[in-house]
Protein backbone atom coordinates (compact mmCIF):
# COMPACT_ATOMS: atom_id res chain seq x y z
CA ALA A 1 2.53 25.85 -3.24
CA LEU A 2 -0.79 23.49 -4.59
CA GLU A 3 -0.26 21.39 -1.79
CA THR A 4 -0.04 24.12 0.97
CA ILE A 5 -3.63 25.55 -0.43
CA ALA A 6 -5.14 22.58 -0.69
CA LEU A 7 -3.82 21.74 3.34
CA LEU A 8 -5.26 25.26 4.04
CA PHE A 9 -8.32 24.62 2.73
CA CYS A 10 -8.71 21.50 4.61
CA GLY A 11 -7.93 22.85 8.14
CA MET A 12 -4.46 23.07 9.18
CA ASP A 13 -2.79 26.29 10.16
CA LEU A 14 -0.05 27.82 7.93
CA PHE A 15 2.97 26.12 9.45
CA ASP A 16 1.52 23.09 9.48
CA ALA A 17 0.36 23.21 5.64
CA VAL A 18 4.30 24.83 4.98
CA THR A 19 6.01 22.32 6.93
CA HIS A 20 3.67 19.38 5.68
CA SER A 21 4.43 20.49 2.28
CA PHE A 22 7.75 20.45 2.43
CA ALA A 23 8.24 17.33 3.89
CA THR A 24 5.65 15.56 1.37
CA ILE A 25 7.79 16.95 -2.05
CA ALA A 26 10.90 16.27 -0.85
CA THR A 27 9.30 12.67 0.08
CA GLY A 28 11.02 13.60 3.75
CA GLY A 29 8.06 13.00 5.81
CA PHE A 30 9.41 14.94 8.87
CA SER A 31 5.86 16.61 11.17
CA PRO A 32 6.35 18.87 13.50
CA ARG A 33 3.79 17.12 15.18
CA ASN A 34 4.67 13.66 17.21
CA ALA A 35 2.12 11.63 15.99
CA SER A 36 3.10 12.59 12.16
CA VAL A 37 -0.43 13.14 9.78
CA ALA A 38 -2.29 10.99 12.37
CA TYR A 39 -2.68 14.01 14.81
CA PHE A 40 -4.58 15.84 12.12
CA ASN A 41 -7.25 13.31 12.50
CA SER A 42 -8.50 14.03 8.83
CA VAL A 43 -9.74 12.31 5.86
CA SER A 44 -8.95 15.24 3.58
CA VAL A 45 -5.64 16.18 5.00
CA GLU A 46 -4.21 12.25 4.20
CA VAL A 47 -5.73 12.91 0.80
CA VAL A 48 -4.29 15.62 -0.34
CA ILE A 49 -1.09 14.64 0.82
CA MET A 50 -1.54 11.03 -0.84
CA ILE A 51 -2.08 12.52 -4.01
CA PHE A 52 1.02 14.86 -3.52
CA MET A 53 3.01 11.48 -2.36
CA ILE A 54 2.43 9.52 -5.57
CA PHE A 55 3.76 12.87 -7.49
CA SER A 56 6.80 13.16 -5.64
CA GLY A 57 8.08 9.84 -6.53
CA ILE A 58 7.41 10.19 -10.26
CA HIS A 59 10.29 11.40 -12.63
CA PHE A 60 10.31 15.04 -12.12
CA ALA A 61 11.35 15.30 -16.11
CA LEU A 62 7.92 13.26 -16.59
CA LEU A 63 6.38 15.81 -14.33
CA PHE A 64 7.55 19.02 -16.29
CA GLY A 65 6.05 17.64 -19.88
CA VAL A 66 2.72 17.16 -17.71
CA ILE A 67 2.85 20.94 -17.12
CA SER A 68 4.23 21.75 -20.51
CA GLY A 69 1.14 20.16 -21.67
CA ASP A 70 2.23 16.18 -22.45
CA PHE A 71 -0.09 14.74 -20.35
CA LYS A 72 0.12 11.53 -21.70
CA SER A 73 4.11 11.43 -21.18
CA ILE A 74 3.51 9.47 -17.64
CA TRP A 75 1.29 6.97 -18.65
CA LYS A 76 3.44 6.40 -21.64
CA SER A 77 6.00 5.35 -19.50
CA ARG A 78 6.19 1.44 -18.22
CA ILE A 79 7.90 2.72 -15.36
CA VAL A 80 5.69 5.10 -14.16
CA ARG A 81 2.64 1.80 -14.85
CA TYR A 82 4.81 -0.83 -13.48
CA TYR A 83 4.89 2.04 -10.05
CA LEU A 84 1.60 2.86 -9.83
CA LEU A 85 0.02 -0.48 -10.38
CA ALA A 86 2.26 -1.99 -7.83
CA LEU A 87 1.26 0.41 -5.32
CA LEU A 88 -2.46 -0.52 -6.51
CA ILE A 89 -2.01 -3.74 -5.80
CA GLY A 90 -0.21 -3.76 -2.43
CA ILE A 91 -3.36 -0.98 -1.51
CA THR A 92 -5.94 -3.33 -2.85
CA ILE A 93 -4.27 -6.61 -0.98
CA SER A 94 -3.35 -5.02 2.40
CA SER A 95 -7.03 -3.47 2.66
CA ILE A 96 -8.79 -6.79 1.90
CA ASP A 97 -6.07 -8.63 5.09
CA LEU A 98 -6.66 -5.55 7.34
CA TYR A 99 -10.21 -5.10 6.95
CA ILE A 100 -10.06 -8.75 8.09
CA THR A 101 -7.69 -8.99 10.58
CA GLN A 102 -7.33 -5.30 12.00
CA TYR A 103 -10.12 -2.90 11.43
CA ASP A 104 -13.89 -3.08 11.52
CA SER A 105 -14.73 -1.09 8.59
CA PHE A 106 -13.29 -1.84 4.73
CA ALA A 107 -13.12 2.24 4.83
CA GLU A 108 -11.05 2.45 7.48
CA ALA A 109 -8.74 -0.59 6.26
CA LEU A 110 -8.51 1.96 2.74
CA ARG A 111 -7.70 4.86 4.62
CA HIS A 112 -4.65 3.63 6.32
CA ALA A 113 -3.68 1.25 4.56
CA SER A 114 -3.84 3.38 1.32
CA PHE A 115 -1.76 6.14 2.87
CA GLN A 116 0.76 3.39 4.92
CA MET A 117 1.36 2.17 1.61
CA LEU A 118 1.97 5.14 -0.31
CA SER A 119 3.94 6.65 2.62
CA VAL A 120 6.72 3.75 2.28
CA GLY A 121 6.21 3.09 -1.17
CA THR A 122 7.19 6.69 -1.83
CA SER A 123 10.25 6.98 0.73
CA THR A 124 8.23 9.82 2.72
CA GLY A 125 7.03 8.41 5.88
CA PHE A 126 4.71 9.43 7.15
CA ALA A 127 2.66 7.62 9.44
CA THR A 128 -1.32 7.58 10.43
CA ALA A 129 -1.36 4.42 12.24
CA ASP A 130 1.09 2.00 13.98
CA SER A 131 1.93 -0.70 11.23
CA SER A 132 3.75 -2.65 13.84
CA ILE A 133 0.61 -4.58 14.89
CA TRP A 134 -0.88 -5.06 11.96
CA SER A 135 -0.88 -8.56 10.48
CA PRO A 136 2.37 -10.47 8.66
CA VAL A 137 0.72 -10.07 5.16
CA SER A 138 0.25 -6.08 5.55
CA GLN A 139 3.80 -5.69 6.90
CA MET A 140 5.78 -7.97 4.32
CA LEU A 141 4.06 -5.67 1.80
CA LEU A 142 5.36 -2.58 3.92
CA ILE A 143 8.47 -3.85 3.87
CA PHE A 144 8.76 -4.73 0.17
CA PHE A 145 7.81 -1.26 -0.50
CA SER A 146 10.17 0.21 2.00
CA LEU A 147 12.65 -1.95 -0.32
CA GLN A 148 11.39 -0.57 -3.52
CA CYS A 149 10.27 3.21 -3.04
CA ALA A 150 9.65 4.76 -6.16
CA CYS A 151 10.89 6.19 -9.69
CA ALA A 152 14.76 7.21 -10.38
CA GLY A 153 14.82 10.95 -11.03
CA SER A 154 12.46 11.95 -8.23
CA THR A 155 12.86 12.28 -4.35
CA SER A 156 12.50 9.02 -3.55
CA GLY A 157 14.83 6.67 -1.62
CA GLY A 158 15.26 2.43 -1.63
CA ILE A 159 15.96 0.17 -4.87
CA LYS A 160 13.80 2.28 -7.24
CA ALA A 161 10.92 0.81 -9.77
CA ASP A 162 12.99 1.43 -12.33
CA ARG A 163 15.73 -1.00 -11.33
CA ILE A 164 12.69 -3.53 -10.21
CA VAL A 165 11.25 -3.48 -13.89
CA ILE A 166 14.79 -3.91 -15.45
CA LEU A 167 15.45 -7.16 -13.30
CA GLY A 168 11.66 -8.46 -13.93
CA LYS A 169 12.35 -7.74 -17.73
CA SER A 170 16.30 -9.41 -17.13
CA ILE A 171 14.76 -12.45 -15.76
CA MET A 172 12.32 -13.13 -18.58
CA ARG A 173 14.50 -12.45 -21.31
CA GLN A 174 16.99 -15.18 -19.77
CA ILE A 175 14.20 -17.84 -19.74
CA ARG A 176 13.57 -17.04 -23.28
CA GLN A 177 17.19 -16.77 -23.95
CA LEU A 178 17.11 -20.67 -22.58
CA GLN A 179 13.89 -21.94 -24.83
CA HIS A 180 16.05 -19.83 -27.96
CA PRO A 181 19.91 -20.37 -27.61
CA ARG A 182 20.69 -18.88 -30.76
CA ALA A 183 18.08 -15.71 -31.08
CA VAL A 184 18.85 -12.13 -30.54
CA LEU A 185 16.51 -10.88 -27.57
CA PRO A 186 17.54 -7.40 -27.14
CA LEU A 187 16.13 -5.60 -23.07
CA THR A 188 13.77 -3.19 -23.89
CA ILE A 189 11.65 -0.88 -22.13
CA GLY A 190 8.61 0.36 -23.36
CA ASP A 191 10.18 1.81 -27.15
CA LYS A 192 13.91 1.41 -25.85
CA VAL A 193 16.48 -0.46 -26.02
CA MET A 194 18.54 -1.34 -22.76
CA GLU A 195 22.05 -1.33 -23.25
CA LYS A 196 24.16 -4.58 -21.55
CA ASP A 197 26.22 -3.10 -19.20
CA VAL A 198 23.04 -0.78 -18.08
CA ALA A 199 21.24 -3.81 -17.46
CA GLU A 200 24.05 -5.60 -15.20
CA ASN A 201 24.56 -2.96 -13.40
CA ALA A 202 20.85 -2.58 -12.21
CA VAL A 203 20.89 -6.32 -10.96
CA LEU A 204 24.33 -5.95 -9.52
CA TYR A 205 22.92 -2.43 -7.37
CA ILE A 206 19.97 -5.18 -6.36
CA VAL A 207 22.25 -7.91 -5.26
CA LEU A 208 24.69 -5.07 -3.88
CA TYR A 209 21.80 -3.53 -1.89
CA LEU A 210 20.59 -6.76 -0.24
CA CYS A 211 23.87 -7.58 0.35
CA ILE A 212 24.05 -4.78 2.74
CA ILE A 213 20.62 -5.02 4.35
CA PHE A 214 21.54 -8.66 5.52
CA ALA A 215 25.20 -8.02 6.71
CA THR A 216 24.18 -4.70 8.56
CA THR A 217 21.15 -6.91 9.96
CA ILE A 218 23.79 -9.36 11.07
CA LEU A 219 25.68 -6.66 12.39
CA LEU A 220 23.23 -5.28 14.67
CA ILE A 221 21.56 -8.18 15.92
CA ALA A 222 25.11 -9.61 17.04
CA LEU A 223 25.82 -6.28 19.10
CA GLY A 224 22.36 -6.93 20.89
CA THR A 225 19.37 -5.39 18.81
CA ASP A 226 15.92 -7.09 18.29
CA THR A 227 15.57 -8.83 15.14
CA THR A 228 12.78 -7.59 13.67
CA GLU A 229 14.27 -3.87 14.81
CA ALA A 230 17.60 -4.93 13.25
CA PHE A 231 16.29 -5.90 9.48
CA THR A 232 13.55 -3.26 9.10
CA GLY A 233 15.26 -0.27 10.56
CA THR A 234 18.21 -1.16 8.30
CA VAL A 235 15.41 -1.72 5.26
CA ALA A 236 14.09 1.89 6.59
CA THR A 237 17.77 3.60 6.69
CA MET A 238 18.87 2.39 3.89
CA GLY A 239 15.97 3.03 1.51
CA ASN A 240 15.78 6.17 3.72
CA VAL A 241 11.64 5.39 4.39
CA GLY A 242 12.00 6.42 8.45
CA PRO A 243 9.98 3.87 10.18
CA GLY A 244 10.56 0.21 10.44
CA LEU A 245 8.25 -1.90 12.52
CA ALA A 246 8.19 -2.98 16.34
CA GLY A 247 10.41 -0.19 18.03
CA VAL A 248 11.32 1.54 15.27
CA GLY A 249 7.63 1.50 13.91
CA SER A 250 5.68 4.41 12.63
CA VAL A 251 4.72 5.04 16.15
CA GLY A 252 8.10 4.22 17.86
CA ASN A 253 11.92 5.59 16.72
CA PHE A 254 15.01 4.76 17.32
CA ASN A 255 16.31 6.58 20.27
CA HIS A 256 16.44 3.41 22.34
CA ILE A 257 19.11 1.62 19.80
CA SER A 258 22.57 1.45 21.20
CA ASP A 259 25.18 4.03 20.09
CA ALA A 260 27.23 1.87 17.83
CA GLY A 261 23.82 0.59 16.41
CA LYS A 262 22.97 4.31 15.98
CA TRP A 263 26.49 4.45 14.10
CA ILE A 264 25.52 1.79 11.77
CA PHE A 265 22.19 3.54 10.80
CA SER A 266 23.79 6.51 10.08
CA VAL A 267 26.42 4.79 7.92
CA THR A 268 23.43 2.88 5.99
CA MET A 269 21.42 5.73 5.46
CA LEU A 270 24.42 7.79 3.59
CA LEU A 271 25.20 4.75 1.82
CA GLY A 272 21.10 4.41 0.41
CA ARG A 273 20.65 8.06 0.09
CA LEU A 274 24.12 7.80 -2.51
CA GLU A 275 23.25 4.71 -3.96
CA ILE A 276 25.96 3.02 -2.55
CA TYR A 277 28.62 3.42 -5.18
CA ALA A 278 29.52 7.06 -4.58
CA LEU A 279 30.13 6.79 -0.66
CA LEU A 280 32.18 3.27 -1.15
CA MET A 281 34.36 5.09 -4.04
CA PHE A 282 35.24 7.89 -0.71
CA PHE A 283 37.09 4.96 0.54
CA ILE A 284 38.97 3.38 -2.18
CA PRO A 285 42.61 5.69 -2.23
CA LYS A 286 42.76 5.83 -6.08
CA HIS A 287 39.49 7.39 -6.44
CA TRP A 288 40.78 10.31 -3.86
CA LYS A 289 43.12 12.28 -6.66
């Protein structure tokens, strides 16, 4: 409701305001306009959507805490701090890169870099620019955020920022363990100690996620799909992000992909949305009972 009202004040009609609000909060990214958010060519519209995309990528329990009056709960979360810092760094690097390689003014570079990074970094998938013609630096950042996406407990897809933080902590813990073999070094996230199996499951999930992307990309290339479209399309569908690069980019679609390719992408969408294990268990007979 808040986003709908804000978009109405920005000049959207009621239908567009409601549909884009639904698509933002659900991080679905579906727009009734073929050009997506670029159709409106409005900075105010983009700013409103960006603000709500950021909130939609945060754990809903933390947002409920804010509504209940605990305004410090979000900033106390190491996961949220990492999520916001990663987006800030990505936007900064991409803005500078696009100013050098793509746009005439830094303001325009910042505008498009901010929206696109937040859009893929929350798995929303709205678009205001054709990222397929951006430089490799900005494209690699888009791929990274398409892999990671936002926080667990939100409507976002992808690996999740939580698992990335756990992976980083696990690596640092292992390095310290090599330096001090007999030391007892618990894995902590904030003031909470992570159980060993929780950390191992997070790392295993990341490895499995990347292996599926690699295997699917190889399969799609073997079926005749363009390499860039095969890889970025797999990343985008696994993360439920939407746009990849090249023909499946922010101004393209998957219409030209072969029927076999569409079936494969459909499976990767299910794998990503159900976080792999739930769908895999469906094919294991002993779990049918």
